[in-house]
């Protein structure tokens, strides 16, 4: 991480927190990181299918508050 930090102008702590999902980054910083790794900025993001927070419509839970109300 130290080498990436030096090359991209951010701290090792920032990169570590970014990897763990505890920090957000600007597009400019992500572009520098992608350039360092000689890759496309999109490769730094998870594919939608790999995102555990994504809930597809057919996987959503239905909440029934009364027999006539469903959410």
Foldseek 3Di string as FASTA:
>chain_A
DCVLCVQLVHDPVQVVCVVVVNDDDDPSSLVSSCVVVVHDSVVVDDDPVPDPVDADPVRDDWDDPDPVDID
